[in-house]
Amino acid sequence: MNNLTKKILKTIGIVLCAIVLIPVLFILFLTLIEYKPKSEEKISINGNATYLQAQLNQEFSVITWNVGYGALGKTADYFMDGGTKVNTADKKLVNTNIQNIASIIKEESPNLILLQEVDEKSTRSKKVNQRKFFAENFKNFQETYAYNFKVLFVPYPIPPIGKVKAGIQTLSKYQISDSKRISLPCPFSWPLRIANLKRALLVNRIKIQNSDKELVIVNLHLEAYDSGEGKIAQTKLLRDILQKETEKG
C-alpha cells in the first residue's frame, strides 16, 4: 500500500469517526445540561395587582389561551401537526400575532389570564420575548411564569427547531399569595427526553376576603404528541391535586 492510499484511507477514517462522534458528543452535552426541574419549585411573583384579595359571592372572569408562541396562526403549516414546516412565522408575523392576542384579551377585560406556549427566547419565535411583552401589556396584573420547555438546541428535524426557552404564564388582577411549579410526569425516555418538554402545573393561590379559604388557579398544558400514556399520567396527577384542594373546601 503506497503513501497516497494510506493518506486517503486515514482521511476517510477521520471523516467517518467525526460523523459518528460529533452527534454522540452533542447528545452527551445536551444530557449534561438537561433541564431537570424539581417535583415542586417556588415561583417568583412579579408586578402589582389591582385587587388585594378576591371577594366572596362575586363573579370573576378567566381567559385561557394557548398562544402558540406567536407562530401557529391560520397560515402555519407545522410539521408536528401534519404539515411540512418547522419555521412557521417570521419576526413581523410573531409580533403581529401576539399584539392581536393582547388586544383581544384587553377587550374581554378578564380578572385572570392563563397563557400557554409563551416563549421567552426561542429560535422558533425569532427570539421575541413574549413573556415580557404580555407582562408589560397587563401592568395592573401580577405575573407568574413556569418553564416547561428549556433546551439549548433541539437538533431535529431539518431544519432543526433550535433553541427553545418557553413556559406557561399566569396574569392575575388579584394579589397572588403563593405560586408553585409542580412537575408533571414526562412520558419520554433518554435520549428523546433531553430535547423534549418538561411539562408542569403552575399553581397560584389567592386569598379570599373574610374567608379562610383560597382561590386556587391552575395553569397547565398537558402532553400533545405522545402515544397517550403521558396524557393519562398527567391528568391523574392533576385530578389528585384538584381533589385535595376540593376536600379543603
Protein backbone atom coordinates (compact mmCIF):
# COMPACT_ATOMS: atom_id res chain seq x y z
CA MET A 1 0.00 0.00 0.00
CA ASN A 2 1.57 3.29 -1.10
CA ASN A 3 1.62 6.51 0.94
CA LEU A 4 -1.15 8.16 -1.09
CA THR A 5 -3.52 5.26 -0.46
CA LYS A 6 -2.68 5.34 3.26
CA LYS A 7 -3.39 9.06 3.41
CA ILE A 8 -6.73 8.61 1.63
CA LEU A 9 -7.76 5.79 3.97
CA LYS A 10 -6.65 7.78 7.01
CA THR A 11 -8.67 10.80 5.84
CA ILE A 12 -11.74 8.63 5.24
CA GLY A 13 -11.31 7.12 8.72
CA ILE A 14 -11.08 10.54 10.35
CA VAL A 15 -14.20 11.75 8.50
CA LEU A 16 -16.17 8.63 9.48
CA CYS A 17 -15.11 8.99 13.12
CA ALA A 18 -16.17 12.64 13.09
CA ILE A 19 -19.55 11.74 11.57
CA VAL A 20 -20.14 9.26 14.40
CA LEU A 21 -18.51 11.13 17.29
CA ILE A 22 -19.88 14.64 16.79
CA PRO A 23 -23.57 13.64 17.19
CA VAL A 24 -22.69 11.38 20.14
CA LEU A 25 -20.73 14.14 21.89
CA PHE A 26 -23.53 16.62 21.20
CA ILE A 27 -26.15 14.30 22.75
CA LEU A 28 -23.90 13.79 25.77
CA PHE A 29 -23.50 17.57 26.09
CA LEU A 30 -27.28 18.09 25.95
CA THR A 31 -27.64 15.34 28.56
CA LEU A 32 -25.23 17.11 30.91
CA ILE A 33 -27.09 20.43 30.66
CA GLU A 34 -30.60 18.92 30.53
CA TYR A 35 -33.30 20.95 32.26
CA LYS A 36 -34.23 18.90 35.32
CA PRO A 37 -36.76 20.76 37.46
CA LYS A 38 -37.64 19.51 40.94
CA SER A 39 -41.02 17.94 41.61
CA GLU A 40 -42.08 21.21 43.27
CA GLU A 41 -40.49 24.64 42.95
CA LYS A 42 -41.46 28.02 44.35
CA ILE A 43 -42.14 30.57 41.61
CA SER A 44 -41.47 34.30 41.89
CA ILE A 45 -44.44 36.67 41.85
CA ASN A 46 -43.90 39.85 39.83
CA GLY A 47 -45.71 43.14 39.46
CA ASN A 48 -48.61 44.79 41.27
CA ALA A 49 -52.18 43.56 41.28
CA THR A 50 -55.32 45.69 41.04
CA TYR A 51 -57.03 43.97 43.97
CA LEU A 52 -55.55 42.69 47.23
CA GLN A 53 -57.98 39.77 47.52
CA ALA A 54 -60.80 38.03 45.73
CA GLN A 55 -64.33 38.63 47.00
CA LEU A 56 -66.94 36.12 48.16
CA ASN A 57 -70.11 35.86 46.05
CA GLN A 58 -68.61 37.92 43.27
CA GLU A 59 -68.21 36.76 39.68
CA PHE A 60 -64.80 36.86 38.05
CA SER A 61 -63.69 36.08 34.52
CA VAL A 62 -60.84 33.92 33.24
CA ILE A 63 -59.27 33.67 29.80
CA THR A 64 -57.06 30.70 28.95
CA TRP A 65 -55.18 30.82 25.63
CA ASN A 66 -52.52 28.68 24.03
CA VAL A 67 -50.77 31.46 22.12
CA GLY A 68 -48.73 29.01 20.04
CA TYR A 69 -45.56 31.08 20.64
CA GLY A 70 -46.99 33.65 18.25
CA ALA A 71 -46.22 31.48 15.25
CA LEU A 72 -49.06 28.97 14.95
CA GLY A 73 -51.72 31.16 13.37
CA LYS A 74 -54.03 30.28 10.48
CA THR A 75 -51.18 30.39 7.94
CA ALA A 76 -48.98 27.92 9.86
CA ASP A 77 -48.17 24.52 8.39
CA TYR A 78 -46.40 22.93 11.37
CA PHE A 79 -44.74 19.53 10.88
CA MET A 80 -45.88 18.15 14.27
CA ASP A 81 -49.49 18.78 13.24
CA GLY A 82 -49.16 17.01 9.91
CA GLY A 83 -47.68 19.94 7.99
CA THR A 84 -44.32 20.44 6.34
CA LYS A 85 -42.70 23.43 8.05
CA VAL A 86 -40.60 23.97 11.18
CA ASN A 87 -40.38 27.76 10.93
CA THR A 88 -43.98 28.94 10.60
CA ALA A 89 -43.66 32.70 11.02
CA ASP A 90 -41.15 35.50 10.59
CA LYS A 91 -40.46 38.05 13.33
CA LYS A 92 -43.01 40.53 11.97
CA LEU A 93 -45.78 37.94 12.00
CA VAL A 94 -44.85 36.75 15.51
CA ASN A 95 -45.13 40.31 16.80
CA THR A 96 -48.39 40.88 14.93
CA ASN A 97 -49.91 37.70 16.36
CA ILE A 98 -49.07 38.42 20.00
CA GLN A 99 -50.20 42.04 19.65
CA ASN A 100 -53.55 40.86 18.30
CA ILE A 101 -53.87 38.32 21.11
CA ALA A 102 -53.21 41.03 23.70
CA SER A 103 -55.80 43.31 22.06
CA ILE A 104 -58.50 40.64 22.16
CA ILE A 105 -57.74 39.85 25.81
CA LYS A 106 -57.96 43.55 26.71
CA GLU A 107 -61.36 43.77 25.00
CA GLU A 108 -62.62 40.90 27.15
CA SER A 109 -61.17 42.51 30.31
CA PRO A 110 -60.69 39.32 32.37
CA ASN A 111 -59.58 39.12 36.00
CA LEU A 112 -57.26 36.20 35.29
CA ILE A 113 -55.26 35.31 32.18
CA LEU A 114 -53.76 31.84 31.71
CA LEU A 115 -51.39 31.58 28.74
CA GLN A 116 -49.55 28.56 27.35
CA GLU A 117 -46.63 28.24 24.88
CA VAL A 118 -45.25 31.64 25.80
CA ASP A 119 -41.68 31.91 24.54
CA GLU A 120 -39.04 33.83 26.42
CA LYS A 121 -36.18 33.36 23.96
CA SER A 122 -36.58 30.78 21.21
CA THR A 123 -35.43 30.28 17.64
CA ARG A 124 -38.95 29.27 16.56
CA SER A 125 -40.36 32.68 17.54
CA LYS A 126 -37.37 34.73 16.37
CA LYS A 127 -36.25 35.36 19.97
CA VAL A 128 -39.20 37.65 20.69
CA ASN A 129 -39.58 37.84 24.48
CA GLN A 130 -43.29 37.10 24.71
CA ARG A 131 -43.26 36.71 28.48
CA LYS A 132 -42.02 40.30 28.84
CA PHE A 133 -44.48 41.51 26.20
CA PHE A 134 -47.56 40.13 27.97
CA ALA A 135 -46.35 41.23 31.41
CA GLU A 136 -45.81 44.78 30.14
CA ASN A 137 -49.19 44.86 28.38
CA PHE A 138 -51.06 43.95 31.55
CA LYS A 139 -49.44 46.19 34.14
CA ASN A 140 -52.26 46.00 36.70
CA PHE A 141 -51.80 42.24 36.91
CA GLN A 142 -49.36 40.19 38.94
CA GLU A 143 -47.37 37.73 36.83
CA THR A 144 -46.01 34.24 37.39
CA TYR A 145 -44.19 32.08 34.86
CA ALA A 146 -43.02 28.46 34.88
CA TYR A 147 -40.73 26.89 32.30
CA ASN A 148 -41.89 23.72 30.62
CA PHE A 149 -39.56 23.66 27.61
CA LYS A 150 -35.93 24.71 28.04
CA VAL A 151 -33.39 23.21 25.62
CA LEU A 152 -30.22 24.85 24.32
CA PHE A 153 -30.72 23.28 20.90
CA VAL A 154 -33.36 20.86 19.62
CA PRO A 155 -31.49 19.07 16.80
CA TYR A 156 -34.46 17.78 14.80
CA PRO A 157 -35.98 17.83 12.20
CA ILE A 158 -34.21 19.52 9.27
CA PRO A 159 -34.04 22.49 9.52
CA PRO A 160 -33.83 21.97 13.30
CA ILE A 161 -36.12 23.60 15.86
CA GLY A 162 -33.07 25.13 17.56
CA LYS A 163 -33.07 26.85 20.94
CA VAL A 164 -36.30 26.79 22.98
CA LYS A 165 -36.97 28.66 26.21
CA ALA A 166 -40.70 28.66 26.86
CA GLY A 167 -43.34 28.18 29.50
CA ILE A 168 -46.79 28.90 30.89
CA GLN A 169 -47.72 32.34 32.20
CA THR A 170 -50.45 33.46 34.59
CA LEU A 171 -51.55 37.08 34.98
CA SER A 172 -53.85 38.00 37.87
CA LYS A 173 -55.69 41.17 38.86
CA TYR A 174 -55.79 39.67 42.36
CA GLN A 175 -52.71 39.62 44.55
CA ILE A 176 -51.10 36.17 44.49
CA SER A 177 -50.10 34.88 47.92
CA ASP A 178 -48.16 31.83 46.70
CA SER A 179 -47.04 30.32 43.41
CA LYS A 180 -45.58 26.88 42.70
CA ARG A 181 -44.40 24.88 39.72
CA ILE A 182 -45.43 21.22 40.06
CA SER A 183 -43.74 18.85 37.60
CA LEU A 184 -45.91 16.54 35.54
CA PRO A 185 -44.80 13.01 34.52
CA CYS A 186 -42.62 13.00 31.39
CA PRO A 187 -43.51 10.11 29.02
CA PHE A 188 -40.23 10.23 27.10
CA SER A 189 -37.09 8.28 27.96
CA TRP A 190 -33.48 9.15 27.17
CA PRO A 191 -32.38 10.40 24.64
CA LEU A 192 -35.73 11.81 23.42
CA ARG A 193 -36.32 13.26 26.89
CA ILE A 194 -33.39 15.67 26.73
CA ALA A 195 -34.85 17.69 23.84
CA ASN A 196 -38.48 17.47 24.90
CA LEU A 197 -40.89 19.40 27.08
CA LYS A 198 -40.85 19.03 30.87
CA ARG A 199 -44.49 19.85 31.42
CA ALA A 200 -45.82 21.30 34.64
CA LEU A 201 -48.70 22.81 36.54
CA LEU A 202 -48.42 26.46 37.58
CA VAL A 203 -50.46 26.69 40.79
CA ASN A 204 -51.29 30.15 42.12
CA ARG A 205 -53.10 30.88 45.38
CA ILE A 206 -55.21 33.96 46.02
CA LYS A 207 -56.66 34.91 49.39
CA ILE A 208 -60.42 35.46 49.68
CA GLN A 209 -61.62 38.37 51.81
CA ASN A 210 -63.46 37.36 55.01
CA SER A 211 -62.72 33.68 54.44
CA ASP A 212 -60.13 31.13 55.49
CA LYS A 213 -60.39 29.52 52.02
CA GLU A 214 -58.30 30.28 48.95
CA LEU A 215 -58.93 30.70 45.27
CA VAL A 216 -56.58 28.19 43.61
CA ILE A 217 -55.75 28.81 39.95
CA VAL A 218 -54.03 26.04 37.98
CA ASN A 219 -52.45 26.84 34.62
CA LEU A 220 -51.47 23.80 32.56
CA HIS A 221 -50.51 22.48 29.13
CA LEU A 222 -50.76 18.70 29.01
CA GLU A 223 -48.93 16.34 26.66
CA ALA A 224 -49.82 16.66 22.98
CA TYR A 225 -47.55 14.39 20.97
CA ASP A 226 -47.07 11.16 22.93
CA SER A 227 -48.92 7.87 22.38
CA GLY A 228 -51.37 8.55 25.20
CA GLU A 229 -49.64 7.36 28.37
CA GLY A 230 -48.32 10.84 29.16
CA LYS A 231 -51.75 12.48 28.99
CA ILE A 232 -53.21 9.78 31.25
CA ALA A 233 -50.47 10.10 33.90
CA GLN A 234 -50.53 13.90 33.79
CA THR A 235 -54.32 14.05 34.02
CA LYS A 236 -54.26 11.69 37.00
CA LEU A 237 -51.81 13.94 38.88
CA LEU A 238 -53.93 16.99 38.02
CA ARG A 239 -57.07 15.22 39.28
CA ASP A 240 -55.37 14.23 42.53
CA ILE A 241 -54.26 17.81 43.20
CA LEU A 242 -57.70 19.24 42.41
CA GLN A 243 -59.35 16.59 44.60
CA LYS A 244 -57.12 17.53 47.55
CA GLU A 245 -57.95 21.21 47.10
CA THR A 246 -61.67 20.41 46.87
CA GLU A 247 -61.50 18.43 50.10
CA LYS A 248 -60.09 21.52 51.82
CA GLY A 249 -63.30 23.30 50.89
